[in-house]
Amino acid sequence: MERSKLVAYLTGAISVILALAYLLLVSLLDFRGEMIPAPQDPLLISPRIQFLQFLYSGLTGLF
């Protein structure tokens, strides 16, 4: 009987710790502010990415 109480208390403590950690994580993520989507404007994309897109579009036209 004593062991089952210990397991119950331990499980409850772990559950409370996980709940508080989740609440803290959600609060930190919410504190960062509004989620802004990535820019879709090609001028804001780095030149390296634009070059890779150009190469890929040229390669797909060959096949």
N, C-alpha and C. Protein backbone atom coordinates (compact mmCIF):
# COMPACT_ATOMS: atom_id res chain seq x y z
N MET A 1 0.83 -1.20 0.00
CA MET A 1 0.00 0.00 0.00
C MET A 1 0.87 1.26 0.00
N GLU A 2 1.96 1.22 0.76
CA GLU A 2 2.83 2.39 0.86
C GLU A 2 3.53 2.68 -0.46
N ARG A 3 3.91 1.61 -1.17
CA ARG A 3 4.59 1.79 -2.46
C ARG A 3 3.65 2.41 -3.50
N SER A 4 2.39 2.00 -3.50
CA SER A 4 1.44 2.55 -4.47
C SER A 4 1.19 4.03 -4.22
N LYS A 5 1.19 4.44 -2.96
CA LYS A 5 1.03 5.87 -2.66
C LYS A 5 2.25 6.66 -3.15
N LEU A 6 3.42 6.08 -2.98
CA LEU A 6 4.64 6.75 -3.44
C LEU A 6 4.62 6.91 -4.96
N VAL A 7 4.19 5.87 -5.66
CA VAL A 7 4.10 5.95 -7.12
C VAL A 7 3.07 6.99 -7.53
N ALA A 8 1.96 7.06 -6.82
CA ALA A 8 0.92 8.04 -7.14
C ALA A 8 1.42 9.47 -6.92
N TYR A 9 2.11 9.70 -5.81
CA TYR A 9 2.65 11.03 -5.55
C TYR A 9 3.71 11.41 -6.58
N LEU A 10 4.56 10.47 -6.91
CA LEU A 10 5.61 10.72 -7.89
C LEU A 10 5.01 11.03 -9.26
N THR A 11 4.01 10.27 -9.66
CA THR A 11 3.34 10.51 -10.94
C THR A 11 2.65 11.87 -10.95
N GLY A 12 2.01 12.21 -9.86
CA GLY A 12 1.36 13.52 -9.76
C GLY A 12 2.35 14.66 -9.82
N ALA A 13 3.49 14.50 -9.16
CA ALA A 13 4.52 15.55 -9.19
C ALA A 13 5.08 15.72 -10.59
N ILE A 14 5.33 14.61 -11.28
CA ILE A 14 5.83 14.69 -12.66
C ILE A 14 4.80 15.37 -13.55
N SER A 15 3.54 15.06 -13.34
CA SER A 15 2.48 15.67 -14.14
C SER A 15 2.41 17.18 -13.91
N VAL A 16 2.54 17.60 -12.68
CA VAL A 16 2.50 19.04 -12.38
C VAL A 16 3.71 19.74 -12.98
N ILE A 17 4.88 19.11 -12.88
CA ILE A 17 6.10 19.71 -13.46
C ILE A 17 5.97 19.85 -14.96
N LEU A 18 5.45 18.82 -15.63
CA LEU A 18 5.26 18.90 -17.08
C LEU A 18 4.25 19.97 -17.46
N ALA A 19 3.18 20.09 -16.68
CA ALA A 19 2.17 21.11 -16.96
C ALA A 19 2.75 22.51 -16.81
N LEU A 20 3.54 22.73 -15.77
CA LEU A 20 4.15 24.05 -15.58
C LEU A 20 5.18 24.35 -16.66
N ALA A 21 5.95 23.35 -17.07
CA ALA A 21 6.92 23.56 -18.14
C ALA A 21 6.21 23.90 -19.45
N TYR A 22 5.10 23.22 -19.72
CA TYR A 22 4.33 23.52 -20.93
C TYR A 22 3.76 24.94 -20.87
N LEU A 23 3.24 25.32 -19.73
CA LEU A 23 2.69 26.66 -19.57
C LEU A 23 3.78 27.72 -19.76
N LEU A 24 4.96 27.47 -19.23
CA LEU A 24 6.08 28.40 -19.40
C LEU A 24 6.49 28.49 -20.86
N LEU A 25 6.57 27.36 -21.54
CA LEU A 25 6.95 27.36 -22.96
C LEU A 25 5.94 28.12 -23.80
N VAL A 26 4.67 27.88 -23.58
CA VAL A 26 3.63 28.57 -24.34
C VAL A 26 3.65 30.07 -24.04
N SER A 27 3.89 30.43 -22.80
CA SER A 27 3.96 31.85 -22.44
C SER A 27 5.14 32.53 -23.12
N LEU A 28 6.29 31.85 -23.16
CA LEU A 28 7.45 32.43 -23.83
C LEU A 28 7.22 32.58 -25.33
N LEU A 29 6.61 31.59 -25.95
CA LEU A 29 6.34 31.68 -27.38
C LEU A 29 5.31 32.76 -27.68
N ASP A 30 4.34 32.93 -26.81
CA ASP A 30 3.31 33.94 -27.00
C ASP A 30 3.88 35.34 -26.75
N PHE A 31 4.87 35.44 -25.88
CA PHE A 31 5.47 36.73 -25.53
C PHE A 31 6.25 37.32 -26.70
N ARG A 32 6.70 36.48 -27.64
CA ARG A 32 7.51 36.96 -28.76
C ARG A 32 6.72 37.87 -29.69
N GLY A 33 5.42 37.81 -29.65
CA GLY A 33 4.61 38.70 -30.48
C GLY A 33 3.94 37.96 -31.62
N GLU A 34 3.41 38.75 -32.52
CA GLU A 34 2.66 38.20 -33.64
C GLU A 34 3.59 37.46 -34.59
N MET A 35 3.12 36.32 -35.06
CA MET A 35 3.91 35.55 -36.03
C MET A 35 3.73 36.17 -37.41
N ILE A 36 4.81 36.62 -38.00
CA ILE A 36 4.78 37.26 -39.31
C ILE A 36 5.28 36.26 -40.33
N PRO A 37 4.53 36.04 -41.41
CA PRO A 37 4.98 35.06 -42.41
C PRO A 37 6.25 35.51 -43.12
N ALA A 38 6.92 34.56 -43.72
CA ALA A 38 8.15 34.85 -44.45
C ALA A 38 7.84 35.74 -45.65
N PRO A 39 8.78 36.59 -46.05
CA PRO A 39 8.54 37.47 -47.20
C PRO A 39 8.40 36.68 -48.49
N GLN A 40 7.49 37.10 -49.34
CA GLN A 40 7.26 36.45 -50.62
C GLN A 40 7.86 37.25 -51.76
N ASP A 41 8.37 38.43 -51.48
CA ASP A 41 8.93 39.30 -52.50
C ASP A 41 10.29 38.77 -52.94
N PRO A 42 10.51 38.57 -54.23
CA PRO A 42 11.80 38.04 -54.69
C PRO A 42 12.97 38.97 -54.38
N LEU A 43 12.72 40.24 -54.20
CA LEU A 43 13.81 41.17 -53.90
C LEU A 43 14.36 40.96 -52.49
N LEU A 44 13.53 40.39 -51.61
CA LEU A 44 13.96 40.16 -50.24
C LEU A 44 14.66 38.82 -50.07
N ILE A 45 14.65 37.98 -51.10
CA ILE A 45 15.32 36.69 -51.04
C ILE A 45 16.80 36.91 -51.36
N SER A 46 17.67 36.22 -50.66
CA SER A 46 19.10 36.43 -50.85
C SER A 46 19.52 36.04 -52.28
N PRO A 47 20.55 36.68 -52.80
CA PRO A 47 21.01 36.38 -54.17
C PRO A 47 21.43 34.92 -54.34
N ARG A 48 21.97 34.30 -53.31
CA ARG A 48 22.37 32.90 -53.42
C ARG A 48 21.16 32.01 -53.67
N ILE A 49 20.06 32.28 -52.97
CA ILE A 49 18.84 31.50 -53.17
C ILE A 49 18.28 31.76 -54.56
N GLN A 50 18.31 33.01 -55.01
CA GLN A 50 17.83 33.33 -56.36
C GLN A 50 18.64 32.58 -57.41
N PHE A 51 19.96 32.49 -57.22
CA PHE A 51 20.81 31.79 -58.17
C PHE A 51 20.48 30.30 -58.18
N LEU A 52 20.26 29.73 -57.01
CA LEU A 52 19.91 28.31 -56.95
C LEU A 52 18.57 28.05 -57.61
N GLN A 53 17.61 28.96 -57.42
CA GLN A 53 16.32 28.80 -58.09
C GLN A 53 16.48 28.91 -59.60
N PHE A 54 17.35 29.80 -60.06
CA PHE A 54 17.60 29.95 -61.49
C PHE A 54 18.22 28.67 -62.05
N LEU A 55 19.20 28.11 -61.35
CA LEU A 55 19.82 26.87 -61.80
C LEU A 55 18.80 25.73 -61.85
N TYR A 56 17.98 25.64 -60.81
CA TYR A 56 17.00 24.56 -60.75
C TYR A 56 15.98 24.70 -61.88
N SER A 57 15.53 25.91 -62.15
CA SER A 57 14.55 26.09 -63.22
C SER A 57 15.17 25.77 -64.57
N GLY A 58 16.46 26.04 -64.75
CA GLY A 58 17.13 25.71 -66.00
C GLY A 58 17.31 24.21 -66.16
N LEU A 59 17.57 23.51 -65.07
CA LEU A 59 17.76 22.07 -65.14
C LEU A 59 16.46 21.33 -65.38
N THR A 60 15.37 21.83 -64.83
CA THR A 60 14.09 21.14 -65.02
C THR A 60 13.60 21.31 -66.44
N GLY A 61 14.03 22.35 -67.13
CA GLY A 61 13.62 22.55 -68.51
C GLY A 61 14.32 21.59 -69.47
N LEU A 62 15.43 21.00 -69.02
CA LEU A 62 16.18 20.09 -69.88
C LEU A 62 15.54 18.71 -69.97
N PHE A 63 14.82 18.33 -68.94
CA PHE A 63 14.30 16.95 -68.89
C PHE A 63 12.87 16.89 -69.33
